[in-house]
Amino acid sequence: GEGEFFDIAAEEAAARLGRGLVELRACGVDACGFIAPAWLLGEEAEAAVREAGFRYTTRVGTVLDFATGE
């Protein structure tokens, strides 16, 4: 189950991200980046990560800044 954000629909990714953000905020954590389990992030899930307001994501060997695209 470590690649669950690789082959997932945007709607399901958004739901999981939303639940995670609620739990983190309840602990006083305001997350600004998202790293998918095993760094496996598919295209639809990446779109959901962007929509959720995260500023960056990482994959093996890369960091992607959503603001600049770099």
N, C-alpha and C. Protein backbone atom coordinates (compact mmCIF):
# COMPACT_ATOMS: atom_id res chain seq x y z
N GLY A 1 0.78 -1.21 0.00
CA GLY A 1 0.00 0.00 0.00
C GLY A 1 0.82 1.27 0.00
N GLU A 2 2.11 1.19 -0.22
CA GLU A 2 2.90 2.42 -0.10
C GLU A 2 2.80 3.34 -1.29
N GLY A 3 2.24 2.90 -2.39
CA GLY A 3 2.12 3.75 -3.57
C GLY A 3 0.70 4.22 -3.80
N GLU A 4 -0.07 4.41 -2.74
CA GLU A 4 -1.49 4.70 -2.90
C GLU A 4 -1.81 6.03 -3.56
N PHE A 5 -0.86 6.93 -3.71
CA PHE A 5 -1.12 8.18 -4.40
C PHE A 5 -0.61 8.16 -5.84
N PHE A 6 -0.14 7.01 -6.31
CA PHE A 6 0.38 6.93 -7.67
C PHE A 6 -0.73 6.73 -8.69
N ASP A 7 -1.62 5.81 -8.43
CA ASP A 7 -2.69 5.48 -9.38
C ASP A 7 -4.03 5.69 -8.69
N ILE A 8 -4.37 6.96 -8.47
CA ILE A 8 -5.57 7.30 -7.72
C ILE A 8 -6.27 8.45 -8.44
N ALA A 9 -7.58 8.45 -8.40
CA ALA A 9 -8.35 9.53 -9.01
C ALA A 9 -8.19 10.81 -8.20
N ALA A 10 -8.30 11.93 -8.87
CA ALA A 10 -8.14 13.23 -8.21
C ALA A 10 -9.13 13.39 -7.06
N GLU A 11 -10.36 12.92 -7.24
CA GLU A 11 -11.38 13.08 -6.20
C GLU A 11 -11.00 12.31 -4.93
N GLU A 12 -10.53 11.09 -5.08
CA GLU A 12 -10.12 10.30 -3.92
C GLU A 12 -8.88 10.90 -3.26
N ALA A 13 -7.94 11.37 -4.07
CA ALA A 13 -6.76 12.02 -3.52
C ALA A 13 -7.16 13.25 -2.72
N ALA A 14 -8.08 14.05 -3.26
CA ALA A 14 -8.54 15.25 -2.57
C ALA A 14 -9.19 14.90 -1.23
N ALA A 15 -9.98 13.84 -1.22
CA ALA A 15 -10.63 13.42 0.02
C ALA A 15 -9.60 13.00 1.07
N ARG A 16 -8.61 12.24 0.66
CA ARG A 16 -7.57 11.79 1.59
C ARG A 16 -6.74 12.97 2.08
N LEU A 17 -6.41 13.87 1.18
CA LEU A 17 -5.64 15.06 1.58
C LEU A 17 -6.44 15.90 2.57
N GLY A 18 -7.72 16.07 2.30
CA GLY A 18 -8.57 16.84 3.20
C GLY A 18 -8.62 16.25 4.60
N ARG A 19 -8.78 14.94 4.68
CA ARG A 19 -8.82 14.28 5.99
C ARG A 19 -7.49 14.44 6.72
N GLY A 20 -6.41 14.31 5.97
CA GLY A 20 -5.08 14.47 6.58
C GLY A 20 -4.86 15.88 7.09
N LEU A 21 -5.27 16.86 6.30
CA LEU A 21 -5.10 18.26 6.73
C LEU A 21 -5.90 18.57 7.98
N VAL A 22 -7.11 18.04 8.07
CA VAL A 22 -7.94 18.24 9.27
C VAL A 22 -7.22 17.68 10.49
N GLU A 23 -6.67 16.49 10.37
CA GLU A 23 -5.97 15.88 11.50
C GLU A 23 -4.72 16.65 11.88
N LEU A 24 -3.95 17.08 10.89
CA LEU A 24 -2.74 17.85 11.19
C LEU A 24 -3.08 19.17 11.86
N ARG A 25 -4.08 19.86 11.36
CA ARG A 25 -4.48 21.15 11.96
C ARG A 25 -4.97 20.97 13.39
N ALA A 26 -5.63 19.85 13.66
CA ALA A 26 -6.09 19.57 15.02
C ALA A 26 -4.91 19.42 15.98
N CYS A 27 -3.75 19.07 15.44
CA CYS A 27 -2.53 18.93 16.24
C CYS A 27 -1.69 20.22 16.23
N GLY A 28 -2.19 21.25 15.57
CA GLY A 28 -1.47 22.51 15.50
C GLY A 28 -0.44 22.58 14.39
N VAL A 29 -0.52 21.68 13.42
CA VAL A 29 0.45 21.64 12.32
C VAL A 29 -0.20 22.22 11.06
N ASP A 30 0.47 23.19 10.45
CA ASP A 30 0.00 23.78 9.20
C ASP A 30 0.96 23.35 8.11
N ALA A 31 0.62 22.28 7.41
CA ALA A 31 1.51 21.70 6.40
C ALA A 31 1.53 22.57 5.15
N CYS A 32 2.72 22.77 4.58
CA CYS A 32 2.81 23.56 3.34
C CYS A 32 3.30 22.72 2.17
N GLY A 33 3.76 21.51 2.41
CA GLY A 33 4.23 20.63 1.35
C GLY A 33 3.65 19.25 1.53
N PHE A 34 3.69 18.48 0.45
CA PHE A 34 3.16 17.12 0.50
C PHE A 34 4.15 16.17 -0.15
N ILE A 35 4.45 15.10 0.55
CA ILE A 35 5.29 14.04 0.02
C ILE A 35 4.44 12.76 0.03
N ALA A 36 4.20 12.22 -1.14
CA ALA A 36 3.40 11.00 -1.25
C ALA A 36 4.18 9.81 -0.69
N PRO A 37 3.48 8.82 -0.16
CA PRO A 37 4.16 7.61 0.30
C PRO A 37 5.05 7.03 -0.81
N ALA A 38 6.26 6.71 -0.47
CA ALA A 38 7.26 6.18 -1.39
C ALA A 38 7.57 7.15 -2.52
N TRP A 39 7.22 8.42 -2.35
CA TRP A 39 7.46 9.48 -3.35
C TRP A 39 6.76 9.18 -4.67
N LEU A 40 5.71 8.36 -4.64
CA LEU A 40 4.99 7.97 -5.85
C LEU A 40 3.71 8.80 -5.96
N LEU A 41 3.75 9.83 -6.79
CA LEU A 41 2.64 10.75 -6.95
C LEU A 41 2.23 10.79 -8.42
N GLY A 42 1.02 10.31 -8.70
CA GLY A 42 0.51 10.32 -10.08
C GLY A 42 -0.01 11.69 -10.48
N GLU A 43 -0.33 11.84 -11.75
CA GLU A 43 -0.77 13.13 -12.29
C GLU A 43 -2.06 13.63 -11.64
N GLU A 44 -3.06 12.75 -11.50
CA GLU A 44 -4.32 13.19 -10.89
C GLU A 44 -4.13 13.56 -9.43
N ALA A 45 -3.34 12.79 -8.73
CA ALA A 45 -3.08 13.10 -7.33
C ALA A 45 -2.31 14.42 -7.22
N GLU A 46 -1.37 14.66 -8.14
CA GLU A 46 -0.64 15.93 -8.11
C GLU A 46 -1.59 17.11 -8.29
N ALA A 47 -2.56 16.96 -9.17
CA ALA A 47 -3.55 18.02 -9.36
C ALA A 47 -4.32 18.28 -8.06
N ALA A 48 -4.66 17.23 -7.34
CA ALA A 48 -5.36 17.37 -6.06
C ALA A 48 -4.47 18.04 -5.02
N VAL A 49 -3.19 17.72 -5.03
CA VAL A 49 -2.25 18.34 -4.09
C VAL A 49 -2.17 19.84 -4.37
N ARG A 50 -2.10 20.21 -5.63
CA ARG A 50 -2.08 21.64 -6.00
C ARG A 50 -3.36 22.32 -5.54
N GLU A 51 -4.52 21.68 -5.82
CA GLU A 51 -5.83 22.24 -5.44
C GLU A 51 -5.96 22.40 -3.92
N ALA A 52 -5.33 21.52 -3.18
CA ALA A 52 -5.41 21.58 -1.72
C ALA A 52 -4.61 22.74 -1.14
N GLY A 53 -3.81 23.39 -1.99
CA GLY A 53 -3.08 24.57 -1.54
C GLY A 53 -1.66 24.32 -1.09
N PHE A 54 -1.15 23.12 -1.30
CA PHE A 54 0.24 22.86 -0.93
C PHE A 54 1.16 23.68 -1.84
N ARG A 55 2.30 24.09 -1.30
CA ARG A 55 3.24 24.92 -2.07
C ARG A 55 4.25 24.09 -2.84
N TYR A 56 4.50 22.85 -2.40
CA TYR A 56 5.49 22.02 -3.08
C TYR A 56 5.20 20.55 -2.85
N THR A 57 5.85 19.73 -3.66
CA THR A 57 5.87 18.28 -3.46
C THR A 57 7.27 17.79 -3.79
N THR A 58 7.53 16.57 -3.41
CA THR A 58 8.82 15.96 -3.75
C THR A 58 8.58 14.59 -4.36
N ARG A 59 9.51 14.22 -5.19
CA ARG A 59 9.59 12.86 -5.71
C ARG A 59 11.04 12.44 -5.51
N VAL A 60 11.36 11.19 -5.75
CA VAL A 60 12.73 10.74 -5.56
C VAL A 60 13.65 11.61 -6.41
N GLY A 61 14.52 12.34 -5.77
CA GLY A 61 15.51 13.15 -6.47
C GLY A 61 15.06 14.52 -6.92
N THR A 62 13.78 14.90 -6.69
CA THR A 62 13.32 16.22 -7.12
C THR A 62 12.41 16.87 -6.09
N VAL A 63 12.39 18.19 -6.16
CA VAL A 63 11.42 19.00 -5.41
C VAL A 63 10.74 19.87 -6.45
N LEU A 64 9.41 19.95 -6.40
CA LEU A 64 8.67 20.76 -7.35
C LEU A 64 7.96 21.88 -6.61
N ASP A 65 8.33 23.12 -6.92
CA ASP A 65 7.70 24.31 -6.37
C ASP A 65 6.51 24.65 -7.27
N PHE A 66 5.30 24.55 -6.74
CA PHE A 66 4.12 24.78 -7.56
C PHE A 66 4.01 26.23 -8.04
N ALA A 67 4.54 27.17 -7.28
CA ALA A 67 4.46 28.58 -7.67
C ALA A 67 5.29 28.89 -8.90
N THR A 68 6.48 28.27 -8.97
CA THR A 68 7.39 28.59 -10.06
C THR A 68 7.46 27.51 -11.12
N GLY A 69 7.03 26.29 -10.77
CA GLY A 69 7.14 25.18 -11.69
C GLY A 69 8.54 24.59 -11.74
N GLU A 70 9.42 25.09 -10.92
CA GLU A 70 10.82 24.60 -10.90
C GLU A 70 11.00 23.54 -9.85
